[in-house]
Protein backbone atom coordinates (compact mmCIF):
# COMPACT_ATOMS: atom_id res chain seq x y z
CA MET A 1 125.29 8.08 126.38
CA SER A 2 125.37 5.26 129.04
CA ILE A 3 122.45 4.10 131.27
CA SER A 4 124.12 5.50 134.39
CA THR A 5 124.76 8.82 132.58
CA LYS A 6 121.06 9.01 131.64
CA LYS A 7 119.94 8.21 135.02
CA ALA A 8 122.35 10.79 136.58
CA ILE A 9 120.89 13.46 134.14
CA LYS A 10 117.18 12.27 135.09
CA PHE A 11 118.13 12.73 138.69
CA VAL A 12 119.72 16.23 138.16
CA ILE A 13 116.65 17.37 136.22
CA LEU A 14 114.19 16.01 138.77
CA LEU A 15 116.14 18.07 141.63
CA GLY A 16 116.20 21.04 139.21
CA VAL A 17 112.56 20.88 138.93
CA VAL A 18 111.95 20.86 142.75
CA SER A 19 114.40 23.90 142.78
CA LEU A 20 112.32 25.41 140.03
CA PHE A 21 109.15 25.54 142.27
CA ALA A 22 110.90 26.24 145.42
CA ASP A 23 112.58 29.29 143.94
CA MET A 24 109.28 30.45 142.44
CA THR A 25 108.23 30.53 146.22
CA TYR A 26 111.13 31.97 148.07
CA GLU A 27 112.66 34.14 145.42
CA GLY A 28 109.29 35.54 144.44
CA ALA A 29 109.04 36.45 148.09
CA ARG A 30 112.64 37.95 148.28
CA SER A 31 111.78 40.21 145.33
CA ILE A 32 109.58 42.23 147.61
CA THR A 33 110.89 41.58 151.07
CA GLY A 34 112.79 44.70 151.08
CA PRO A 35 110.09 47.19 150.20
CA PHE A 36 107.69 45.06 152.41
CA LEU A 37 110.00 45.61 155.30
CA ALA A 38 110.10 49.29 154.42
CA VAL A 39 106.37 49.46 154.30
CA LEU A 40 106.18 47.98 157.74
CA GLY A 41 108.41 50.47 159.09
CA ALA A 42 111.93 49.22 158.88
CA GLY A 43 114.93 51.42 157.86
CA ALA A 44 117.87 50.75 155.47
CA THR A 45 120.28 49.51 158.25
CA ALA A 46 117.46 47.01 159.50
CA VAL A 47 116.92 45.91 155.89
CA GLY A 48 120.71 45.19 155.60
CA VAL A 49 121.20 43.53 158.83
CA VAL A 50 117.87 41.45 158.57
CA ALA A 51 119.16 40.20 155.04
CA GLY A 52 122.58 39.62 156.14
CA PHE A 53 121.74 37.95 159.44
CA GLY A 54 119.33 35.70 157.54
CA GLU A 55 122.13 34.60 155.35
CA LEU A 56 124.54 34.20 158.26
CA ILE A 57 122.11 31.95 160.24
CA GLY A 58 121.28 30.22 156.93
CA TYR A 59 124.74 29.51 155.90
CA GLY A 60 126.14 28.98 159.29
CA LEU A 61 123.64 26.12 160.05
CA ARG A 62 124.91 24.52 156.85
CA LEU A 63 127.89 23.54 158.64
CA ILE A 64 126.00 21.56 161.21
CA SER A 65 123.55 20.23 158.77
CA GLY A 66 126.43 19.05 156.45
CA LEU A 67 128.30 17.21 159.34
CA ILE A 68 125.02 15.60 160.48
CA SER A 69 124.32 14.46 156.98
CA ASP A 70 127.69 12.74 156.68
CA LYS A 71 127.33 11.18 159.92
CA THR A 72 124.00 9.96 159.74
CA GLY A 73 123.73 9.28 155.90
CA LYS A 74 120.09 10.51 156.18
CA TYR A 75 120.59 12.92 153.35
CA TRP A 76 116.88 12.62 151.87
CA THR A 77 115.36 12.95 155.49
CA ILE A 78 117.41 16.25 156.21
CA THR A 79 116.72 17.55 152.66
CA ILE A 80 113.01 17.01 152.86
CA LEU A 81 112.82 18.68 156.44
CA GLY A 82 114.62 21.70 155.18
CA TYR A 83 112.56 22.29 152.09
CA ALA A 84 109.37 21.98 154.31
CA LEU A 85 110.51 24.79 156.70
CA ASN A 86 112.05 26.85 153.88
CA LEU A 87 108.79 26.64 151.79
CA THR A 88 106.13 27.17 154.55
CA ALA A 89 107.70 30.27 155.90
CA VAL A 90 106.96 32.17 153.04
CA PRO A 91 102.99 32.15 152.91
CA LEU A 92 103.17 32.96 156.58
CA LEU A 93 104.63 36.40 155.57
CA ALA A 94 101.02 37.41 154.71
CA LEU A 95 100.11 37.52 158.25
CA ALA A 96 102.89 39.59 159.51
CA GLY A 97 101.86 42.89 160.92
CA ARG A 98 105.23 44.24 162.11
CA TRP A 99 108.47 44.19 160.41
CA GLU A 100 110.01 42.37 163.25
CA LEU A 101 107.79 39.33 162.73
CA ALA A 102 108.28 39.48 159.05
CA ALA A 103 112.07 39.36 159.79
CA LEU A 104 111.64 36.32 161.83
CA LEU A 105 109.92 34.42 159.27
CA MET A 106 112.49 35.49 156.41
CA ILE A 107 115.22 34.13 158.79
CA ALA A 108 113.27 31.01 159.36
CA GLU A 109 113.04 30.57 155.44
CA ARG A 110 116.73 30.87 155.41
CA ILE A 111 117.13 28.20 158.21
CA GLY A 112 115.10 25.83 156.02
CA LYS A 113 117.36 26.30 153.08
CA ALA A 114 120.33 25.92 155.34
CA VAL A 115 119.24 22.45 156.68
CA ARG A 116 118.62 21.08 153.34
CA THR A 117 121.39 22.35 151.04
CA PRO A 118 124.56 20.50 152.01
CA ALA A 119 122.68 17.12 151.86
CA ARG A 120 121.03 18.03 148.56
CA ASP A 121 124.29 19.30 147.11
CA ALA A 122 126.05 16.12 148.30
CA MET A 123 123.60 13.89 146.38
CA LEU A 124 123.87 16.18 143.34
CA SER A 125 127.58 15.60 143.38
CA HIS A 126 127.24 12.06 142.86
CA ALA A 127 125.03 12.67 139.80
CA THR A 128 127.34 15.20 138.33
CA LYS A 129 130.65 13.03 138.38
CA GLU A 130 129.06 11.17 135.27
CA MET A 131 127.83 14.21 133.28
CA GLY A 132 130.44 16.81 134.24
CA ARG A 133 130.42 18.75 137.43
CA GLY A 134 130.03 22.19 135.78
CA TRP A 135 127.42 21.09 133.40
CA GLY A 136 125.43 19.26 136.16
CA PHE A 137 125.53 21.84 138.81
CA GLY A 138 124.96 24.45 135.90
CA LEU A 139 121.89 22.62 134.59
CA HIS A 140 120.51 22.28 138.10
CA GLU A 141 121.08 26.16 138.65
CA ALA A 142 119.57 26.97 135.14
CA LEU A 143 116.20 25.21 136.37
CA ASP A 144 116.58 26.81 139.71
CA GLN A 145 116.67 30.04 138.16
CA ILE A 146 113.91 29.73 135.71
CA GLY A 147 111.73 29.41 138.99
CA ALA A 148 113.69 32.40 140.51
CA MET A 149 112.68 34.50 137.39
CA LEU A 150 109.03 33.24 137.25
CA GLY A 151 108.41 33.99 141.00
CA PRO A 152 109.00 37.71 140.85
CA LEU A 153 107.18 38.03 137.53
CA ILE A 154 104.02 36.34 139.37
CA VAL A 155 104.64 38.85 142.13
CA SER A 156 104.77 41.64 139.74
CA ALA A 157 101.49 40.43 137.96
CA VAL A 158 99.77 40.67 141.53
CA LEU A 159 101.11 44.09 142.33
CA TYR A 160 99.97 45.23 138.83
CA LEU A 161 96.42 43.69 139.49
CA LYS A 162 96.57 45.73 142.88
CA GLY A 163 96.70 42.64 144.84
CA GLY A 164 99.44 43.99 147.34
CA TYR A 165 102.24 42.27 148.94
CA ARG A 166 100.19 40.07 151.36
CA ASN A 167 98.31 38.31 148.34
CA SER A 168 101.55 37.91 146.68
CA PHE A 169 102.74 35.73 149.57
CA ILE A 170 99.49 33.77 149.62
CA ILE A 171 99.69 32.83 146.01
CA LEU A 172 103.17 31.59 146.41
CA LEU A 173 101.63 28.69 148.47
CA LEU A 174 101.11 26.99 145.18
CA PRO A 175 104.61 26.61 143.83
CA ALA A 176 105.66 25.66 147.51
CA PHE A 177 103.15 22.56 147.41
CA LEU A 178 104.34 21.50 144.06
CA ALA A 179 108.04 21.71 145.06
CA LEU A 180 107.31 19.36 147.93
CA SER A 181 105.34 16.97 145.88
CA VAL A 182 108.04 16.58 143.21
CA LEU A 183 110.61 16.23 145.93
CA VAL A 184 108.67 13.24 147.58
CA ALA A 185 108.57 11.59 144.06
CA ALA A 186 112.46 12.03 143.54
CA ARG A 187 112.95 10.39 146.85
CA LEU A 188 110.76 7.30 145.84
CA LEU A 189 112.61 7.01 142.48
CA TYR A 190 115.99 7.51 143.79
CA PRO A 191 116.44 6.23 147.32
CA ARG A 192 120.26 5.92 146.99
CA PRO A 193 121.78 8.87 144.97
CA ARG A 194 125.35 7.97 145.94
CA ASP A 195 124.99 4.90 143.71
CA LEU A 196 124.98 7.23 140.59
CA GLU A 197 128.85 7.90 141.30
CA ALA A 198 130.07 4.80 139.75
CA ALA A 199 133.80 5.49 140.42
CA LEU A 200 134.24 6.19 143.99
CA PRO A 201 137.85 7.39 145.17
CA ALA A 202 139.87 4.60 146.71
CA LEU A 203 141.51 6.77 149.41
CA ARG A 204 139.65 8.71 152.10
CA ALA A 205 141.05 12.10 153.13
CA LYS A 206 141.44 12.85 156.74
CA GLY A 207 140.51 16.40 156.38
CA LEU A 208 139.81 19.05 153.67
CA PRO A 209 142.84 19.82 151.44
CA GLN A 210 144.68 22.98 151.85
CA VAL A 211 143.46 24.39 148.33
CA PHE A 212 139.80 24.25 149.65
CA TRP A 213 140.67 26.91 152.29
CA PHE A 214 142.30 29.27 149.67
CA TYR A 215 139.23 28.73 147.59
CA LEU A 216 137.07 29.52 150.48
CA ALA A 217 138.94 32.68 150.94
CA ALA A 218 138.34 33.90 147.53
CA VAL A 219 134.69 33.07 147.57
CA ALA A 220 134.25 34.94 150.89
CA LEU A 221 135.63 38.02 149.21
CA ILE A 222 132.97 37.67 146.48
CA ALA A 223 130.22 37.05 149.07
CA ALA A 224 131.37 40.17 151.17
CA GLY A 225 131.07 42.52 148.31
CA TYR A 226 127.76 41.06 146.89
CA ALA A 227 124.84 43.26 147.85
CA ASP A 228 121.85 41.42 149.00
CA PHE A 229 118.64 42.05 146.67
CA PRO A 230 116.51 43.21 149.70
CA LEU A 231 119.06 46.17 149.98
CA ILE A 232 119.17 46.76 146.23
CA ALA A 233 115.28 46.73 146.15
CA TYR A 234 115.26 49.27 149.04
CA HIS A 235 117.42 51.58 146.97
CA PHE A 236 115.27 51.18 144.00
CA GLU A 237 112.22 52.29 145.93
CA LYS A 238 113.82 55.10 147.77
CA ALA A 239 115.66 56.46 144.77
CA SER A 240 112.57 55.85 142.52
CA THR A 241 114.82 54.13 140.10
CA PHE A 242 111.95 52.01 139.01
CA PRO A 243 108.20 51.98 139.42
CA LYS A 244 107.13 49.87 142.13
CA ILE A 245 106.05 47.13 139.74
CA TRP A 246 109.36 47.02 137.99
CA ILE A 247 111.41 46.12 141.24
CA PRO A 248 110.34 42.42 141.07
CA ILE A 249 110.63 42.41 137.29
CA SER A 250 114.36 43.63 137.57
CA TYR A 251 114.91 40.73 139.97
CA ALA A 252 113.28 38.28 137.39
CA VAL A 253 115.83 39.85 134.66
CA ALA A 254 118.69 39.13 137.10
CA MET A 255 117.54 35.58 137.60
CA GLY A 256 117.25 34.97 133.77
CA ALA A 257 120.63 36.23 133.35
CA ASP A 258 121.81 33.76 136.43
CA ALA A 259 120.38 30.79 134.49
CA LEU A 260 122.07 31.45 131.19
CA ALA A 261 125.42 32.21 132.97
CA ALA A 262 125.04 28.95 135.06
CA LEU A 263 124.68 26.90 131.60
CA PHE A 264 127.30 28.76 129.91
CA PHE A 265 130.08 29.00 132.52
CA GLY A 266 129.36 25.46 133.87
CA ARG A 267 130.48 24.15 130.31
CA LEU A 268 133.34 26.51 130.34
CA PHE A 269 134.27 25.26 133.86
CA ASP A 270 134.26 21.56 132.68
CA ARG A 271 136.78 22.67 129.92
CA LEU A 272 138.83 25.38 131.30
CA GLY A 273 138.58 24.72 135.19
CA LEU A 274 138.67 27.35 138.03
CA SER A 275 140.28 30.07 135.82
CA ILE A 276 136.91 30.80 134.44
CA LEU A 277 135.96 32.34 137.94
CA ILE A 278 138.42 35.29 137.36
CA LEU A 279 136.40 36.08 134.29
CA VAL A 280 133.16 35.91 136.23
CA ALA A 281 134.58 38.08 139.09
CA LEU A 282 135.79 40.71 136.58
CA LEU A 283 132.27 40.90 135.07
CA SER A 284 130.16 40.88 138.30
CA ALA A 285 132.38 43.27 140.28
CA PHE A 286 130.79 46.28 138.43
CA PHE A 287 127.30 45.57 139.16
CA ALA A 288 127.15 48.07 142.13
CA PRO A 289 128.12 51.23 140.25
CA LEU A 290 125.35 50.56 137.70
CA VAL A 291 122.86 49.63 140.42
CA PHE A 292 123.28 52.12 142.78
CA TRP A 293 124.39 55.09 140.61
CA GLY A 294 122.59 54.51 137.50
CA GLY A 295 119.08 55.33 136.19
CA PHE A 296 116.55 52.82 134.70
CA TYR A 297 118.56 51.31 131.87
CA LEU A 298 121.89 51.22 133.60
CA ALA A 299 120.42 49.92 136.76
CA LEU A 300 118.75 47.12 134.70
CA ALA A 301 122.28 46.40 133.18
CA GLY A 302 123.73 46.19 136.66
CA MET A 303 121.01 43.64 137.65
CA VAL A 304 122.16 41.49 134.50
CA LEU A 305 125.77 41.62 135.89
CA TRP A 306 124.49 40.81 139.37
CA GLY A 307 122.69 37.84 138.04
CA VAL A 308 125.82 36.59 136.04
CA GLY A 309 127.70 36.62 139.28
CA MET A 310 124.89 34.66 141.10
CA GLY A 311 124.86 32.28 138.41
CA ALA A 312 128.51 31.61 138.88
CA GLN A 313 128.41 31.44 142.55
CA GLU A 314 125.48 28.92 142.60
CA SER A 315 126.85 26.69 140.03
CA ILE A 316 130.55 26.70 139.32
CA MET A 317 131.54 27.41 142.86
CA ARG A 318 129.52 24.22 144.09
CA ALA A 319 130.96 22.17 141.15
CA ALA A 320 134.52 23.21 142.10
CA VAL A 321 133.92 21.79 145.96
CA ALA A 322 132.91 18.51 144.66
CA GLU A 323 136.39 18.39 142.70
CA MET A 324 138.46 19.25 145.88
CA VAL A 325 136.70 17.16 148.55
CA SER A 326 136.49 13.44 148.80
CA VAL A 327 133.22 11.66 148.57
CA ASP A 328 133.02 10.79 152.16
CA LYS A 329 133.48 14.34 153.22
CA ARG A 330 131.14 15.98 150.91
CA GLY A 331 128.37 16.92 153.39
CA ALA A 332 131.00 18.51 155.55
CA GLY A 333 132.69 20.14 152.76
CA TYR A 334 129.57 21.93 151.45
CA GLY A 335 128.73 22.66 155.08
CA ILE A 336 131.83 24.51 155.67
CA PHE A 337 131.99 26.09 152.25
CA ASN A 338 128.40 27.69 152.85
CA ALA A 339 129.00 28.65 156.37
CA GLY A 340 132.23 30.68 155.41
CA TYR A 341 130.29 32.00 152.42
CA GLY A 342 127.44 33.07 154.81
CA LEU A 343 129.46 34.84 157.31
CA ALA A 344 131.23 36.78 154.72
CA TRP A 345 127.86 37.60 153.21
CA PHE A 346 126.49 38.67 156.51
CA LEU A 347 129.36 40.81 157.40
CA GLY A 348 129.45 42.45 153.83
CA SER A 349 125.60 42.92 153.86
CA ALA A 350 125.54 44.59 157.29
CA LEU A 351 128.30 46.74 156.39
CA MET A 352 126.57 47.85 153.10
CA GLY A 353 123.45 48.62 154.88
CA VAL A 354 125.28 50.89 157.31
CA LEU A 355 127.34 52.42 154.36
CA TYR A 356 124.10 53.12 152.53
CA ASP A 357 122.87 55.50 155.19
CA VAL A 358 126.23 57.08 155.29
CA SER A 359 127.53 57.25 151.71
CA VAL A 360 126.27 55.22 148.75
CA SER A 361 129.50 56.03 146.98
CA VAL A 362 131.57 54.25 149.70
CA LEU A 363 129.13 51.25 149.54
CA VAL A 364 129.91 51.07 145.70
CA LEU A 365 133.68 51.30 146.35
CA PHE A 366 133.63 48.67 149.01
CA SER A 367 131.66 46.24 146.84
CA VAL A 368 134.07 46.61 143.65
CA MET A 369 137.15 46.23 145.59
CA ALA A 370 136.06 43.20 147.75
CA GLN A 371 135.23 41.33 144.59
CA LEU A 372 138.33 42.17 142.67
CA ALA A 373 140.52 41.30 145.61
CA SER A 374 139.35 37.71 145.06
CA ILE A 375 141.03 37.41 141.64
CA PRO A 376 144.71 36.80 142.98
CA LEU A 377 143.31 33.89 145.19
CA PHE A 378 141.41 32.44 142.21
CA ARG A 379 144.60 32.49 140.25
CA LEU A 380 146.33 30.70 143.31
CA VAL A 381 143.66 28.00 143.48
CA GLY A 382 143.92 27.55 139.84
CA ARG A 383 147.60 26.85 139.98
CA GLU A 384 147.21 24.63 142.83
CA ASN A 385 144.53 22.57 141.17
CA GLU A 386 146.86 21.94 137.99
């Protein structure tokens, strides 16, 4: 293993540790925001719209953030500012007395994530060139999801000890502080992550390639059919699928599946390319029938499939963008990719929130069909990339 590859791996691991603590914070919070909004008086439509709108704002702003990152070159500054907003919004949820205020804080948390994600992913893309795109992003996602698994378990422990939702948000202040501390250390150790990508392309593209737009359309269909966890958690509480304590545990199970799937499918991506996304789409498409129709065990199996899909979305799909977009357009590429993904997520989440109040069966049908519709586009992208 070369020195440059070792440095690249260390950088990916360091940012992975940042994500681990960050995900402990905001994924721990997201495991209970659905029920928390319900306790504060929000209905299913409000939960779906809030969750979807948060994703819309969060992903839409990534377009601006990505463009600014490329234009200014201030990848670290933008990343640090984004993480600061992303993580401080969570403990403040403990002070929310109305669901509208809680919704604003949830959206603020998404805005922070929007600001930092394109710049961070652009920096990661430089490191993953040496170690393999799929493996690099998969490793980062696996560490990320370990935190996403631990956060809900911490919240579940607080609820078990009768601490309630508000104390859960307060306790999540600790991993937020740790995430910011490691992030600052990473900035000091790796001031120029672009140097990790030894062989930069000789040519600079004037725009994004056509295959990128086909790929974005396929990913948008996946996003539109993917129910956000606050709506799933709302269903679990309303239908009494799980005891209250088990709702965050089910999310932790999904995050564990996410981490393993990211590593497994990341390796397969480096060997087989984009065709692996067809298999992922087939697997994850059927989470909705299990989650919304099933009892305890079937719903838990559905959460595993939901996590597998999320693992692919957060690892392979990001790795593929780096393969399609030239190095000087990475921030913009990730920004546009995430903006399109977020718009589709918002429209799908809002629609599924409405459909839940009308017919759970129609919601399930929409979710499955939207995801399966992505498969022909993934096949087209695979042929274009050959």
